[in-house]
Amino acid sequence: MALVTPWSVSLALIDAYSVFIKCLPRQPQVLLIVIVGDWALSFLSLAAACSTASVTSLLVNVGTPYCWSKLCSRYQFSAAMAFLSWFLSFASTLFNLWLLPSL
């Protein structure tokens, strides 16, 4: 998940810069790099979300000696946010894939 944040922030900065100077990139190679990066990071974030959810489920089922209620709720929230990150990243991949033929 440490790769997803810099990737998303850099894409947001590039998009904001291109909107402010009113010059959208029309190069298919650049969009293809973005699509491949989004695709790879979406599957990595899916793997992180699944592993977080499985560890949380294991800790909840083991009992209270290993997982206090506040700690388990934080793990559950982390897993939910990881799945949300995966969903949004995969949606970005599909949207960019849809835009690729129009260039």
PDB file of N, CA and C in Angstrom:
ATOM      1  N   MET A   1       0.818  -1.190   0.000  1.00  0.00           N
ATOM      2  CA  MET A   1       0.000   0.000   0.000  1.00  0.00           C
ATOM      3  C   MET A   1       0.866   1.261   0.000  1.00  0.00           C
ATOM      4  N   ALA A   2       2.135   1.118   0.318  1.00  0.00           N
ATOM      5  CA  ALA A   2       3.023   2.284   0.318  1.00  0.00           C
ATOM      6  C   ALA A   2       3.280   2.786  -1.096  1.00  0.00           C
ATOM      7  N   LEU A   3       3.058   1.973  -2.106  1.00  0.00           N
ATOM      8  CA  LEU A   3       3.224   2.417  -3.483  1.00  0.00           C
ATOM      9  C   LEU A   3       1.992   3.130  -4.024  1.00  0.00           C
ATOM     10  N   VAL A   4       0.834   2.829  -3.477  1.00  0.00           N
ATOM     11  CA  VAL A   4      -0.418   3.384  -3.999  1.00  0.00           C
ATOM     12  C   VAL A   4      -0.511   4.884  -3.728  1.00  0.00           C
ATOM     13  N   THR A   5      -0.128   5.316  -2.548  1.00  0.00           N
ATOM     14  CA  THR A   5      -0.257   6.727  -2.181  1.00  0.00           C
ATOM     15  C   THR A   5       0.608   7.638  -3.056  1.00  0.00           C
ATOM     16  N   PRO A   6       1.914   7.375  -3.226  1.00  0.00           N
ATOM     17  CA  PRO A   6       2.685   8.263  -4.106  1.00  0.00           C
ATOM     18  C   PRO A   6       2.212   8.227  -5.558  1.00  0.00           C
ATOM     19  N   TRP A   7       1.784   7.062  -6.024  1.00  0.00           N
ATOM     20  CA  TRP A   7       1.281   6.946  -7.392  1.00  0.00           C
ATOM     21  C   TRP A   7       0.030   7.799  -7.566  1.00  0.00           C
ATOM     22  N   SER A   8      -0.895   7.707  -6.638  1.00  0.00           N
ATOM     23  CA  SER A   8      -2.134   8.469  -6.741  1.00  0.00           C
ATOM     24  C   SER A   8      -1.894   9.971  -6.604  1.00  0.00           C
ATOM     25  N   VAL A   9      -1.006  10.358  -5.688  1.00  0.00           N
ATOM     26  CA  VAL A   9      -0.716  11.783  -5.509  1.00  0.00           C
ATOM     27  C   VAL A   9      -0.029  12.349  -6.750  1.00  0.00           C
ATOM     28  N   SER A  10       0.905  11.603  -7.313  1.00  0.00           N
ATOM     29  CA  SER A  10       1.580  12.104  -8.521  1.00  0.00           C
ATOM     30  C   SER A  10       0.610  12.210  -9.692  1.00  0.00           C
ATOM     31  N   LEU A  11      -0.297  11.250  -9.846  1.00  0.00           N
ATOM     32  CA  LEU A  11      -1.300  11.354 -10.908  1.00  0.00           C
ATOM     33  C   LEU A  11      -2.239  12.530 -10.677  1.00  0.00           C
ATOM     34  N   ALA A  12      -2.604  12.784  -9.428  1.00  0.00           N
ATOM     35  CA  ALA A  12      -3.469  13.933  -9.129  1.00  0.00           C
ATOM     36  C   ALA A  12      -2.769  15.247  -9.441  1.00  0.00           C
ATOM     37  N   LEU A  13      -1.475  15.338  -9.117  1.00  0.00           N
ATOM     38  CA  LEU A  13      -0.731  16.560  -9.423  1.00  0.00           C
ATOM     39  C   LEU A  13      -0.584  16.772 -10.926  1.00  0.00           C
ATOM     40  N   ILE A  14      -0.323  15.718 -11.653  1.00  0.00           N
ATOM     41  CA  ILE A  14      -0.206  15.824 -13.111  1.00  0.00           C
ATOM     42  C   ILE A  14      -1.545  16.223 -13.725  1.00  0.00           C
ATOM     43  N   ASP A  15      -2.634  15.637 -13.249  1.00  0.00           N
ATOM     44  CA  ASP A  15      -3.952  15.997 -13.756  1.00  0.00           C
ATOM     45  C   ASP A  15      -4.299  17.447 -13.438  1.00  0.00           C
ATOM     46  N   ALA A  16      -4.002  17.894 -12.225  1.00  0.00           N
ATOM     47  CA  ALA A  16      -4.287  19.282 -11.856  1.00  0.00           C
ATOM     48  C   ALA A  16      -3.451  20.247 -12.695  1.00  0.00           C
ATOM     49  N   TYR A  17      -2.198  19.914 -12.924  1.00  0.00           N
ATOM     50  CA  TYR A  17      -1.328  20.760 -13.742  1.00  0.00           C
ATOM     51  C   TYR A  17      -1.850  20.852 -15.173  1.00  0.00           C
ATOM     52  N   SER A  18      -2.277  19.724 -15.732  1.00  0.00           N
ATOM     53  CA  SER A  18      -2.772  19.740 -17.107  1.00  0.00           C
ATOM     54  C   SER A  18      -4.103  20.480 -17.225  1.00  0.00           C
ATOM     55  N   VAL A  19      -4.905  20.474 -16.168  1.00  0.00           N
ATOM     56  CA  VAL A  19      -6.159  21.227 -16.194  1.00  0.00           C
ATOM     57  C   VAL A  19      -5.892  22.724 -16.084  1.00  0.00           C
ATOM     58  N   PHE A  20      -4.933  23.110 -15.242  1.00  0.00           N
ATOM     59  CA  PHE A  20      -4.640  24.532 -15.063  1.00  0.00           C
ATOM     60  C   PHE A  20      -4.026  25.168 -16.307  1.00  0.00           C
ATOM     61  N   ILE A  21      -3.202  24.426 -17.029  1.00  0.00           N
ATOM     62  CA  ILE A  21      -2.636  25.013 -18.245  1.00  0.00           C
ATOM     63  C   ILE A  21      -3.489  24.694 -19.474  1.00  0.00           C
ATOM     64  N   LYS A  22      -4.597  24.016 -19.262  1.00  0.00           N
ATOM     65  CA  LYS A  22      -5.583  23.687 -20.301  1.00  0.00           C
ATOM     66  C   LYS A  22      -4.957  22.948 -21.483  1.00  0.00           C
ATOM     67  N   CYS A  23      -4.096  22.039 -21.172  1.00  0.00           N
ATOM     68  CA  CYS A  23      -3.446  21.229 -22.197  1.00  0.00           C
ATOM     69  C   CYS A  23      -3.461  19.772 -21.728  1.00  0.00           C
ATOM     70  N   LEU A  24      -4.438  19.035 -22.175  1.00  0.00           N
ATOM     71  CA  LEU A  24      -4.552  17.638 -21.782  1.00  0.00           C
ATOM     72  C   LEU A  24      -3.613  16.780 -22.615  1.00  0.00           C
ATOM     73  N   PRO A  25      -2.949  15.827 -22.007  1.00  0.00           N
ATOM     74  CA  PRO A  25      -2.027  14.970 -22.771  1.00  0.00           C
ATOM     75  C   PRO A  25      -2.796  14.073 -23.738  1.00  0.00           C
ATOM     76  N   ARG A  26      -2.355  14.052 -24.966  1.00  0.00           N
ATOM     77  CA  ARG A  26      -3.003  13.250 -26.002  1.00  0.00           C
ATOM     78  C   ARG A  26      -2.105  12.137 -26.508  1.00  0.00           C
ATOM     79  N   GLN A  27      -1.213  11.657 -25.680  1.00  0.00           N
ATOM     80  CA  GLN A  27      -0.276  10.628 -26.113  1.00  0.00           C
ATOM     81  C   GLN A  27      -0.734   9.276 -25.572  1.00  0.00           C
ATOM     82  N   PRO A  28      -0.979   8.330 -26.467  1.00  0.00           N
ATOM     83  CA  PRO A  28      -1.424   7.005 -26.011  1.00  0.00           C
ATOM     84  C   PRO A  28      -0.397   6.281 -25.147  1.00  0.00           C
ATOM     85  N   GLN A  29       0.901   6.539 -25.366  1.00  0.00           N
ATOM     86  CA  GLN A  29       1.925   5.854 -24.579  1.00  0.00           C
ATOM     87  C   GLN A  29       1.860   6.265 -23.115  1.00  0.00           C
ATOM     88  N   VAL A  30       1.598   7.541 -22.872  1.00  0.00           N
ATOM     89  CA  VAL A  30       1.493   8.019 -21.487  1.00  0.00           C
ATOM     90  C   VAL A  30       0.280   7.392 -20.809  1.00  0.00           C
ATOM     91  N   LEU A  31      -0.834   7.360 -21.522  1.00  0.00           N
ATOM     92  CA  LEU A  31      -2.043   6.766 -20.956  1.00  0.00           C
ATOM     93  C   LEU A  31      -1.861   5.259 -20.737  1.00  0.00           C
ATOM     94  N   LEU A  32      -1.120   4.610 -21.603  1.00  0.00           N
ATOM     95  CA  LEU A  32      -0.869   3.179 -21.429  1.00  0.00           C
ATOM     96  C   LEU A  32      -0.025   2.911 -20.181  1.00  0.00           C
ATOM     97  N   ILE A  33       0.948   3.783 -19.904  1.00  0.00           N
ATOM     98  CA  ILE A  33       1.753   3.647 -18.684  1.00  0.00           C
ATOM     99  C   ILE A  33       0.873   3.832 -17.453  1.00  0.00           C
ATOM    100  N   VAL A  34      -0.034   4.794 -17.514  1.00  0.00           N
ATOM    101  CA  VAL A  34      -0.952   5.016 -16.389  1.00  0.00           C
ATOM    102  C   VAL A  34      -1.864   3.805 -16.195  1.00  0.00           C
ATOM    103  N   ILE A  35      -2.344   3.235 -17.284  1.00  0.00           N
ATOM    104  CA  ILE A  35      -3.234   2.068 -17.193  1.00  0.00           C
ATOM    105  C   ILE A  35      -2.499   0.880 -16.576  1.00  0.00           C
ATOM    106  N   VAL A  36      -1.284   0.615 -17.044  1.00  0.00           N
ATOM    107  CA  VAL A  36      -0.521  -0.520 -16.508  1.00  0.00           C
ATOM    108  C   VAL A  36      -0.180  -0.290 -15.041  1.00  0.00           C
ATOM    109  N   GLY A  37       0.202   0.940 -14.683  1.00  0.00           N
ATOM    110  CA  GLY A  37       0.494   1.250 -13.283  1.00  0.00           C
ATOM    111  C   GLY A  37      -0.716   1.104 -12.391  1.00  0.00           C
ATOM    112  N   ASP A  38      -1.862   1.623 -12.849  1.00  0.00           N
ATOM    113  CA  ASP A  38      -3.097   1.473 -12.076  1.00  0.00           C
ATOM    114  C   ASP A  38      -3.490   0.008 -11.936  1.00  0.00           C
ATOM    115  N   TRP A  39      -3.333  -0.741 -13.021  1.00  0.00           N
ATOM    116  CA  TRP A  39      -3.717  -2.150 -12.994  1.00  0.00           C
ATOM    117  C   TRP A  39      -2.856  -2.924 -12.004  1.00  0.00           C
ATOM    118  N   ALA A  40      -1.539  -2.712 -12.066  1.00  0.00           N
ATOM    119  CA  ALA A  40      -0.636  -3.435 -11.162  1.00  0.00           C
ATOM    120  C   ALA A  40      -0.879  -3.045  -9.712  1.00  0.00           C
ATOM    121  N   LEU A  41      -1.035  -1.754  -9.456  1.00  0.00           N
ATOM    122  CA  LEU A  41      -1.248  -1.314  -8.077  1.00  0.00           C
ATOM    123  C   LEU A  41      -2.628  -1.699  -7.554  1.00  0.00           C
ATOM    124  N   SER A  42      -3.613  -1.815  -8.440  1.00  0.00           N
ATOM    125  CA  SER A  42      -4.923  -2.252  -7.960  1.00  0.00           C
ATOM    126  C   SER A  42      -4.871  -3.702  -7.494  1.00  0.00           C
ATOM    127  N   PHE A  43      -4.130  -4.547  -8.201  1.00  0.00           N
ATOM    128  CA  PHE A  43      -4.026  -5.933  -7.752  1.00  0.00           C
ATOM    129  C   PHE A  43      -3.157  -6.063  -6.508  1.00  0.00           C
ATOM    130  N   LEU A  44      -2.141  -5.213  -6.373  1.00  0.00           N
ATOM    131  CA  LEU A  44      -1.361  -5.222  -5.139  1.00  0.00           C
ATOM    132  C   LEU A  44      -2.195  -4.752  -3.950  1.00  0.00           C
ATOM    133  N   SER A  45      -3.040  -3.745  -4.162  1.00  0.00           N
ATOM    134  CA  SER A  45      -3.887  -3.290  -3.058  1.00  0.00           C
ATOM    135  C   SER A  45      -4.974  -4.309  -2.744  1.00  0.00           C
ATOM    136  N   LEU A  46      -5.441  -5.055  -3.747  1.00  0.00           N
ATOM    137  CA  LEU A  46      -6.383  -6.151  -3.467  1.00  0.00           C
ATOM    138  C   LEU A  46      -5.719  -7.223  -2.612  1.00  0.00           C
ATOM    139  N   ALA A  47      -4.473  -7.542  -2.915  1.00  0.00           N
ATOM    140  CA  ALA A  47      -3.748  -8.525  -2.107  1.00  0.00           C
ATOM    141  C   ALA A  47      -3.564  -8.027  -0.679  1.00  0.00           C
ATOM    142  N   ALA A  48      -3.254  -6.737  -0.528  1.00  0.00           N
ATOM    143  CA  ALA A  48      -3.096  -6.172   0.819  1.00  0.00           C
ATOM    144  C   ALA A  48      -4.424  -6.183   1.573  1.00  0.00           C
ATOM    145  N   ALA A  49      -5.501  -5.866   0.874  1.00  0.00           N
ATOM    146  CA  ALA A  49      -6.810  -5.858   1.524  1.00  0.00           C
ATOM    147  C   ALA A  49      -7.220  -7.259   1.966  1.00  0.00           C
ATOM    148  N   CYS A  50      -6.981  -8.240   1.113  1.00  0.00           N
ATOM    149  CA  CYS A  50      -7.335  -9.619   1.468  1.00  0.00           C
ATOM    150  C   CYS A  50      -6.503 -10.125   2.634  1.00  0.00           C
ATOM    151  N   SER A  51      -5.223  -9.801   2.654  1.00  0.00           N
ATOM    152  CA  SER A  51      -4.397 -10.264   3.763  1.00  0.00           C
ATOM    153  C   SER A  51      -4.769  -9.565   5.066  1.00  0.00           C
ATOM    154  N   THR A  52      -5.096  -8.288   4.996  1.00  0.00           N
ATOM    155  CA  THR A  52      -5.533  -7.569   6.195  1.00  0.00           C
ATOM    156  C   THR A  52      -6.848  -8.142   6.721  1.00  0.00           C
ATOM    157  N   ALA A  53      -7.766  -8.436   5.816  1.00  0.00           N
ATOM    158  CA  ALA A  53      -9.046  -9.008   6.236  1.00  0.00           C
ATOM    159  C   ALA A  53      -8.866 -10.392   6.849  1.00  0.00           C
ATOM    160  N   SER A  54      -7.964 -11.196   6.288  1.00  0.00           N
ATOM    161  CA  SER A  54      -7.776 -12.539   6.850  1.00  0.00           C
ATOM    162  C   SER A  54      -7.111 -12.484   8.222  1.00  0.00           C
ATOM    163  N   VAL A  55      -6.145 -11.588   8.413  1.00  0.00           N
ATOM    164  CA  VAL A  55      -5.516 -11.450   9.728  1.00  0.00           C
ATOM    165  C   VAL A  55      -6.523 -10.938  10.750  1.00  0.00           C
ATOM    166  N   THR A  56      -7.360  -9.992  10.343  1.00  0.00           N
ATOM    167  CA  THR A  56      -8.384  -9.473  11.246  1.00  0.00           C
ATOM    168  C   THR A  56      -9.365 -10.563  11.638  1.00  0.00           C
ATOM    169  N   SER A  57      -9.788 -11.364  10.666  1.00  0.00           N
ATOM    170  CA  SER A  57     -10.706 -12.462  10.956  1.00  0.00           C
ATOM    171  C   SER A  57     -10.067 -13.479  11.896  1.00  0.00           C
ATOM    172  N   LEU A  58      -8.809 -13.774  11.684  1.00  0.00           N
ATOM    173  CA  LEU A  58      -8.102 -14.711  12.560  1.00  0.00           C
ATOM    174  C   LEU A  58      -8.010 -14.163  13.978  1.00  0.00           C
ATOM    175  N   LEU A  59      -7.662 -12.872  14.119  1.00  0.00           N
ATOM    176  CA  LEU A  59      -7.541 -12.284  15.449  1.00  0.00           C
ATOM    177  C   LEU A  59      -8.883 -12.209  16.172  1.00  0.00           C
ATOM    178  N   VAL A  60      -9.942 -11.921  15.447  1.00  0.00           N
ATOM    179  CA  VAL A  60     -11.270 -11.853  16.071  1.00  0.00           C
ATOM    180  C   VAL A  60     -11.717 -13.233  16.531  1.00  0.00           C
ATOM    181  N   ASN A  61     -11.439 -14.256  15.733  1.00  0.00           N
ATOM    182  CA  ASN A  61     -11.882 -15.611  16.078  1.00  0.00           C
ATOM    183  C   ASN A  61     -11.055 -16.241  17.189  1.00  0.00           C
ATOM    184  N   VAL A  62      -9.810 -15.806  17.356  1.00  0.00           N
ATOM    185  CA  VAL A  62      -8.961 -16.368  18.408  1.00  0.00           C
ATOM    186  C   VAL A  62      -9.458 -15.937  19.786  1.00  0.00           C
ATOM    187  N   GLY A  63      -9.811 -14.676  19.909  1.00  0.00           N
ATOM    188  CA  GLY A  63     -10.339 -14.215  21.190  1.00  0.00           C
ATOM    189  C   GLY A  63      -9.651 -12.957  21.686  1.00  0.00           C
ATOM    190  N   THR A  64     -10.028 -12.574  22.890  1.00  0.00           N
ATOM    191  CA  THR A  64      -9.557 -11.312  23.447  1.00  0.00           C
ATOM    192  C   THR A  64      -8.099 -11.274  23.880  1.00  0.00           C
ATOM    193  N   PRO A  65      -7.425 -12.362  24.197  1.00  0.00           N
ATOM    194  CA  PRO A  65      -6.023 -12.204  24.616  1.00  0.00           C
ATOM    195  C   PRO A  65      -5.134 -11.604  23.513  1.00  0.00           C
ATOM    196  N   TYR A  66      -5.482 -11.860  22.268  1.00  0.00           N
ATOM    197  CA  TYR A  66      -4.656 -11.361  21.179  1.00  0.00           C
ATOM    198  C   TYR A  66      -5.198 -10.083  20.547  1.00  0.00           C
ATOM    199  N   CYS A  67      -6.465  -9.809  20.726  1.00  0.00           N
ATOM    200  CA  CYS A  67      -7.064  -8.674  20.023  1.00  0.00           C
ATOM    201  C   CYS A  67      -8.078  -7.978  20.919  1.00  0.00           C
ATOM    202  N   TRP A  68      -7.714  -6.800  21.417  1.00  0.00           N
ATOM    203  CA  TRP A  68      -8.663  -6.014  22.188  1.00  0.00           C
ATOM    204  C   TRP A  68      -9.673  -5.405  21.241  1.00  0.00           C
ATOM    205  N   SER A  69     -10.801  -4.967  21.773  1.00  0.00           N
ATOM    206  CA  SER A  69     -11.881  -4.485  20.916  1.00  0.00           C
ATOM    207  C   SER A  69     -11.460  -3.256  20.104  1.00  0.00           C
ATOM    208  N   LYS A  70     -10.706  -2.343  20.716  1.00  0.00           N
ATOM    209  CA  LYS A  70     -10.284  -1.152  19.990  1.00  0.00           C
ATOM    210  C   LYS A  70      -9.285  -1.505  18.884  1.00  0.00           C
ATOM    211  N   LEU A  71      -8.377  -2.432  19.165  1.00  0.00           N
ATOM    212  CA  LEU A  71      -7.389  -2.838  18.173  1.00  0.00           C
ATOM    213  C   LEU A  71      -8.045  -3.581  17.014  1.00  0.00           C
ATOM    214  N   CYS A  72      -8.981  -4.471  17.323  1.00  0.00           N
ATOM    215  CA  CYS A  72      -9.664  -5.217  16.265  1.00  0.00           C
ATOM    216  C   CYS A  72     -10.507  -4.306  15.391  1.00  0.00           C
ATOM    217  N   SER A  73     -11.132  -3.314  15.991  1.00  0.00           N
ATOM    218  CA  SER A  73     -11.932  -2.386  15.178  1.00  0.00           C
ATOM    219  C   SER A  73     -11.040  -1.564  14.262  1.00  0.00           C
ATOM    220  N   ARG A  74      -9.832  -1.246  14.706  1.00  0.00           N
ATOM    221  CA  ARG A  74      -8.888  -0.537  13.830  1.00  0.00           C
ATOM    222  C   ARG A  74      -8.457  -1.420  12.663  1.00  0.00           C
ATOM    223  N   TYR A  75      -8.210  -2.691  12.925  1.00  0.00           N
ATOM    224  CA  TYR A  75      -7.857  -3.613  11.841  1.00  0.00           C
ATOM    225  C   TYR A  75      -9.007  -3.764  10.852  1.00  0.00           C
ATOM    226  N   GLN A  76     -10.227  -3.845  11.364  1.00  0.00           N
ATOM    227  CA  GLN A  76     -11.384  -3.969  10.481  1.00  0.00           C
ATOM    228  C   GLN A  76     -11.559  -2.715   9.630  1.00  0.00           C
ATOM    229  N   PHE A  77     -11.355  -1.552  10.225  1.00  0.00           N
ATOM    230  CA  PHE A  77     -11.439  -0.301   9.477  1.00  0.00           C
ATOM    231  C   PHE A  77     -10.340  -0.232   8.424  1.00  0.00           C
ATOM    232  N   SER A  78      -9.152  -0.690   8.771  1.00  0.00           N
ATOM    233  CA  SER A  78      -8.035  -0.722   7.818  1.00  0.00           C
ATOM    234  C   SER A  78      -8.350  -1.633   6.634  1.00  0.00           C
ATOM    235  N   ALA A  79      -8.938  -2.767   6.905  1.00  0.00           N
ATOM    236  CA  ALA A  79      -9.309  -3.684   5.826  1.00  0.00           C
ATOM    237  C   ALA A  79     -10.379  -3.066   4.935  1.00  0.00           C
ATOM    238  N   ALA A  80     -11.350  -2.396   5.522  1.00  0.00           N
ATOM    239  CA  ALA A  80     -12.401  -1.749   4.728  1.00  0.00           C
ATOM    240  C   ALA A  80     -11.823  -0.645   3.848  1.00  0.00           C
ATOM    241  N   MET A  81     -10.895   0.141   4.380  1.00  0.00           N
ATOM    242  CA  MET A  81     -10.271   1.202   3.584  1.00  0.00           C
ATOM    243  C   MET A  81      -9.382   0.631   2.484  1.00  0.00           C
ATOM    244  N   ALA A  82      -8.755  -0.511   2.740  1.00  0.00           N
ATOM    245  CA  ALA A  82      -7.936  -1.155   1.717  1.00  0.00           C
ATOM    246  C   ALA A  82      -8.809  -1.649   0.570  1.00  0.00           C
ATOM    247  N   PHE A  83      -9.969  -2.213   0.883  1.00  0.00           N
ATOM    248  CA  PHE A  83     -10.888  -2.642  -0.168  1.00  0.00           C
ATOM    249  C   PHE A  83     -11.442  -1.445  -0.935  1.00  0.00           C
ATOM    250  N   LEU A  84     -11.704  -0.341  -0.257  1.00  0.00           N
ATOM    251  CA  LEU A  84     -12.152   0.870  -0.939  1.00  0.00           C
ATOM    252  C   LEU A  84     -11.069   1.397  -1.873  1.00  0.00           C
ATOM    253  N   SER A  85      -9.828   1.385  -1.418  1.00  0.00           N
ATOM    254  CA  SER A  85      -8.706   1.811  -2.256  1.00  0.00           C
ATOM    255  C   SER A  85      -8.587   0.919  -3.483  1.00  0.00           C
ATOM    256  N   TRP A  86      -8.742  -0.379  -3.295  1.00  0.00           N
ATOM    257  CA  TRP A  86      -8.688  -1.283  -4.440  1.00  0.00           C
ATOM    258  C   TRP A  86      -9.803  -0.994  -5.428  1.00  0.00           C
ATOM    259  N   PHE A  87     -11.004  -0.797  -4.940  1.00  0.00           N
ATOM    260  CA  PHE A  87     -12.142  -0.553  -5.815  1.00  0.00           C
ATOM    261  C   PHE A  87     -11.951   0.722  -6.627  1.00  0.00           C
ATOM    262  N   LEU A  88     -11.502   1.802  -5.987  1.00  0.00           N
ATOM    263  CA  LEU A  88     -11.304   3.065  -6.697  1.00  0.00           C
ATOM    264  C   LEU A  88     -10.150   2.975  -7.690  1.00  0.00           C
ATOM    265  N   SER A  89      -9.095   2.283  -7.328  1.00  0.00           N
ATOM    266  CA  SER A  89      -7.966   2.121  -8.246  1.00  0.00           C
ATOM    267  C   SER A  89      -8.364   1.283  -9.458  1.00  0.00           C
ATOM    268  N   PHE A  90      -9.129   0.244  -9.244  1.00  0.00           N
ATOM    269  CA  PHE A  90      -9.573  -0.588 -10.361  1.00  0.00           C
ATOM    270  C   PHE A  90     -10.567   0.165 -11.234  1.00  0.00           C
ATOM    271  N   ALA A  91     -11.401   1.009 -10.630  1.00  0.00           N
ATOM    272  CA  ALA A  91     -12.311   1.841 -11.411  1.00  0.00           C
ATOM    273  C   ALA A  91     -11.535   2.826 -12.278  1.00  0.00           C
ATOM    274  N   SER A  92     -10.459   3.375 -11.743  1.00  0.00           N
ATOM    275  CA  SER A  92      -9.597   4.262 -12.524  1.00  0.00           C
ATOM    276  C   SER A  92      -8.963   3.519 -13.692  1.00  0.00           C
ATOM    277  N   THR A  93      -8.539   2.296 -13.460  1.00  0.00           N
ATOM    278  CA  THR A  93      -7.967   1.492 -14.531  1.00  0.00           C
ATOM    279  C   THR A  93      -8.974   1.264 -15.647  1.00  0.00           C
ATOM    280  N   LEU A  94     -10.186   0.890 -15.279  1.00  0.00           N
ATOM    281  CA  LEU A  94     -11.208   0.633 -16.290  1.00  0.00           C
ATOM    282  C   LEU A  94     -11.588   1.904 -17.043  1.00  0.00           C
ATOM    283  N   PHE A  95     -11.658   3.036 -16.353  1.00  0.00           N
ATOM    284  CA  PHE A  95     -11.982   4.297 -17.002  1.00  0.00           C
ATOM    285  C   PHE A  95     -10.886   4.693 -17.989  1.00  0.00           C
ATOM    286  N   ASN A  96      -9.634   4.565 -17.595  1.00  0.00           N
ATOM    287  CA  ASN A  96      -8.530   4.886 -18.498  1.00  0.00           C
ATOM    288  C   ASN A  96      -8.456   3.914 -19.666  1.00  0.00           C
ATOM    289  N   LEU A  97      -8.779   2.670 -19.434  1.00  0.00           N
ATOM    290  CA  LEU A  97      -8.816   1.684 -20.510  1.00  0.00           C
ATOM    291  C   LEU A  97      -9.917   2.029 -21.514  1.00  0.00           C
ATOM    292  N   TRP A  98     -11.004   2.573 -21.012  1.00  0.00           N
ATOM    293  CA  TRP A  98     -12.105   3.000 -21.865  1.00  0.00           C
ATOM    294  C   TRP A  98     -11.700   4.220 -22.695  1.00  0.00           C
ATOM    295  N   LEU A  99     -10.846   5.098 -22.130  1.00  0.00           N
ATOM    296  CA  LEU A  99     -10.407   6.291 -22.844  1.00  0.00           C
ATOM    297  C   LEU A  99      -9.320   6.009 -23.882  1.00  0.00           C
ATOM    298  N   LEU A 100      -8.585   4.926 -23.733  1.00  0.00           N
ATOM    299  CA  LEU A 100      -7.449   4.654 -24.603  1.00  0.00           C
ATOM    300  C   LEU A 100      -7.819   4.591 -26.086  1.00  0.00           C
ATOM    301  N   PRO A 101      -8.872   3.902 -26.503  1.00  0.00           N
ATOM    302  CA  PRO A 101      -9.175   3.860 -27.943  1.00  0.00           C
ATOM    303  C   PRO A 101      -9.570   5.224 -28.522  1.00  0.00           C
ATOM    304  N   SER A 102     -10.021   6.158 -27.700  1.00  0.00           N
ATOM    305  CA  SER A 102     -10.435   7.458 -28.229  1.00  0.00           C
ATOM    306  C   SER A 102      -9.247   8.344 -28.596  1.00  0.00           C
ATOM    307  N   LEU A 103      -8.047   7.964 -28.166  1.00  0.00           N
ATOM    308  CA  LEU A 103      -6.861   8.742 -28.552  1.00  0.00           C
ATOM    309  C   LEU A 103      -6.415   8.260 -29.874  1.00  0.00           C
TER     310      LEU A 103
END
